[in-house]
Amino acid sequence: MLIDAQYIRALEVLKKNKAGHEKLGNLLLEREVIFSEDLEEIFGKRPWEKKHIIPENGLTEAEKKVASDSVPLAPPIDTKKEDKKTIV
């Protein structure tokens, strides 16, 4: 029953936003890349506030501080260098 109810709800949401989905599809065909502003223009603002934004590099300010405060690692050992000893 729960799955059936959510399936019906999903269909209603898709039908309600059909025109927006068509606009979105056409925009993607035109530009290939879209931004949140484009989605807001088509569908409107979200009814909730943004809780957490993940920066481009994936690190929050706190994670950047921890990374910068940590002790740097030693450079890796090059195991591919040939041994310079001469065999006689």
C-alpha atoms as a PDB file:
ATOM      1  CA  MET A   1       0.000   0.000   0.000  1.00  0.00           C
ATOM      2  CA  LEU A   2       2.772   2.430   0.889  1.00  0.00           C
ATOM      3  CA  ILE A   3       4.524   1.838  -2.420  1.00  0.00           C
ATOM      4  CA  ASP A   4       1.284   2.247  -4.354  1.00  0.00           C
ATOM      5  CA  ALA A   5       0.527   5.542  -2.592  1.00  0.00           C
ATOM      6  CA  GLN A   6       4.010   6.926  -3.294  1.00  0.00           C
ATOM      7  CA  TYR A   7       3.828   5.769  -6.924  1.00  0.00           C
ATOM      8  CA  ILE A   8       0.569   7.718  -7.345  1.00  0.00           C
ATOM      9  CA  ARG A   9       2.141  10.731  -5.608  1.00  0.00           C
ATOM     10  CA  ALA A  10       5.175  10.567  -7.943  1.00  0.00           C
ATOM     11  CA  LEU A  11       2.904  10.477 -11.007  1.00  0.00           C
ATOM     12  CA  GLU A  12       1.018  13.527  -9.716  1.00  0.00           C
ATOM     13  CA  VAL A  13       4.268  15.443  -9.179  1.00  0.00           C
ATOM     14  CA  LEU A  14       5.472  14.535 -12.685  1.00  0.00           C
ATOM     15  CA  LYS A  15       2.152  15.578 -14.257  1.00  0.00           C
ATOM     16  CA  LYS A  16       2.104  18.832 -12.276  1.00  0.00           C
ATOM     17  CA  ASN A  17       5.623  19.713 -13.469  1.00  0.00           C
ATOM     18  CA  LYS A  18       5.322  18.409 -17.043  1.00  0.00           C
ATOM     19  CA  ALA A  19       5.783  21.849 -18.639  1.00  0.00           C
ATOM     20  CA  GLY A  20       8.833  22.521 -16.473  1.00  0.00           C
ATOM     21  CA  HIS A  21      10.367  19.173 -17.415  1.00  0.00           C
ATOM     22  CA  GLU A  22       9.882  19.991 -21.090  1.00  0.00           C
ATOM     23  CA  LYS A  23      11.584  23.379 -20.597  1.00  0.00           C
ATOM     24  CA  LEU A  24      14.394  21.680 -18.699  1.00  0.00           C
ATOM     25  CA  GLY A  25      14.881  19.096 -21.443  1.00  0.00           C
ATOM     26  CA  ASN A  26      15.017  21.783 -24.132  1.00  0.00           C
ATOM     27  CA  LEU A  27      17.476  23.833 -22.087  1.00  0.00           C
ATOM     28  CA  LEU A  28      19.719  20.789 -21.636  1.00  0.00           C
ATOM     29  CA  LEU A  29      19.642  20.114 -25.382  1.00  0.00           C
ATOM     30  CA  GLU A  30      20.565  23.728 -26.002  1.00  0.00           C
ATOM     31  CA  ARG A  31      23.301  24.190 -23.377  1.00  0.00           C
ATOM     32  CA  GLU A  32      24.263  20.735 -22.001  1.00  0.00           C
ATOM     33  CA  VAL A  33      25.130  22.330 -18.622  1.00  0.00           C
ATOM     34  CA  ILE A  34      22.654  24.040 -16.331  1.00  0.00           C
ATOM     35  CA  PHE A  35      22.938  25.729 -12.954  1.00  0.00           C
ATOM     36  CA  SER A  36      20.715  26.058  -9.907  1.00  0.00           C
ATOM     37  CA  GLU A  37      19.587  29.473 -11.145  1.00  0.00           C
ATOM     38  CA  ASP A  38      18.244  27.833 -14.308  1.00  0.00           C
ATOM     39  CA  LEU A  39      16.256  25.331 -12.240  1.00  0.00           C
ATOM     40  CA  GLU A  40      14.902  28.119 -10.028  1.00  0.00           C
ATOM     41  CA  GLU A  41      13.804  30.015 -13.125  1.00  0.00           C
ATOM     42  CA  ILE A  42      11.899  26.976 -14.411  1.00  0.00           C
ATOM     43  CA  PHE A  43      10.522  25.434 -11.208  1.00  0.00           C
ATOM     44  CA  GLY A  44      10.765  28.314  -8.729  1.00  0.00           C
ATOM     45  CA  LYS A  45      12.587  28.484  -5.417  1.00  0.00           C
ATOM     46  CA  ARG A  46      12.610  25.441  -3.174  1.00  0.00           C
ATOM     47  CA  PRO A  47      10.154  25.587  -0.286  1.00  0.00           C
ATOM     48  CA  TRP A  48      13.006  24.932   2.180  1.00  0.00           C
ATOM     49  CA  GLU A  49      16.288  26.667   2.886  1.00  0.00           C
ATOM     50  CA  LYS A  50      19.640  25.277   1.840  1.00  0.00           C
ATOM     51  CA  LYS A  51      21.002  23.353   4.826  1.00  0.00           C
ATOM     52  CA  HIS A  52      24.465  22.405   3.644  1.00  0.00           C
ATOM     53  CA  ILE A  53      26.410  23.475   0.592  1.00  0.00           C
ATOM     54  CA  ILE A  54      29.282  21.294  -0.561  1.00  0.00           C
ATOM     55  CA  PRO A  55      32.044  23.440  -2.086  1.00  0.00           C
ATOM     56  CA  GLU A  56      33.540  22.651  -5.507  1.00  0.00           C
ATOM     57  CA  ASN A  57      36.599  20.919  -4.087  1.00  0.00           C
ATOM     58  CA  GLY A  58      34.474  18.876  -1.683  1.00  0.00           C
ATOM     59  CA  LEU A  59      36.052  20.272   1.508  1.00  0.00           C
ATOM     60  CA  THR A  60      34.292  22.430   4.055  1.00  0.00           C
ATOM     61  CA  GLU A  61      36.173  25.287   5.739  1.00  0.00           C
ATOM     62  CA  ALA A  62      36.668  23.143   8.865  1.00  0.00           C
ATOM     63  CA  GLU A  63      38.098  20.274   6.796  1.00  0.00           C
ATOM     64  CA  LYS A  64      40.460  22.675   5.005  1.00  0.00           C
ATOM     65  CA  LYS A  65      41.761  23.899   8.389  1.00  0.00           C
ATOM     66  CA  VAL A  66      42.368  20.345   9.624  1.00  0.00           C
ATOM     67  CA  ALA A  67      44.170  19.494   6.381  1.00  0.00           C
ATOM     68  CA  SER A  68      46.382  22.596   6.569  1.00  0.00           C
ATOM     69  CA  ASP A  69      47.238  21.992  10.260  1.00  0.00           C
ATOM     70  CA  SER A  70      48.269  18.369   9.754  1.00  0.00           C
ATOM     71  CA  VAL A  71      51.884  17.259   9.456  1.00  0.00           C
ATOM     72  CA  PRO A  72      52.946  16.830   5.830  1.00  0.00           C
ATOM     73  CA  LEU A  73      53.685  13.302   4.720  1.00  0.00           C
ATOM     74  CA  ALA A  74      57.173  12.230   3.641  1.00  0.00           C
ATOM     75  CA  PRO A  75      57.645  12.031  -0.117  1.00  0.00           C
ATOM     76  CA  PRO A  76      57.111   8.578  -1.592  1.00  0.00           C
ATOM     77  CA  ILE A  77      60.143   6.336  -2.081  1.00  0.00           C
ATOM     78  CA  ASP A  78      61.034   5.803  -5.714  1.00  0.00           C
ATOM     79  CA  THR A  79      61.374   2.054  -6.073  1.00  0.00           C
ATOM     80  CA  LYS A  80      61.937   2.227  -9.820  1.00  0.00           C
ATOM     81  CA  LYS A  81      65.391   3.827  -9.650  1.00  0.00           C
ATOM     82  CA  GLU A  82      68.125   1.510 -10.809  1.00  0.00           C
ATOM     83  CA  ASP A  83      70.731   0.522  -8.279  1.00  0.00           C
ATOM     84  CA  LYS A  84      73.977   2.306  -9.195  1.00  0.00           C
ATOM     85  CA  LYS A  85      76.274  -0.425  -7.858  1.00  0.00           C
ATOM     86  CA  THR A  86      78.575  -1.945 -10.416  1.00  0.00           C
ATOM     87  CA  ILE A  87      78.636  -5.697 -10.592  1.00  0.00           C
ATOM     88  CA  VAL A  88      82.085  -7.105 -11.502  1.00  0.00           C
END
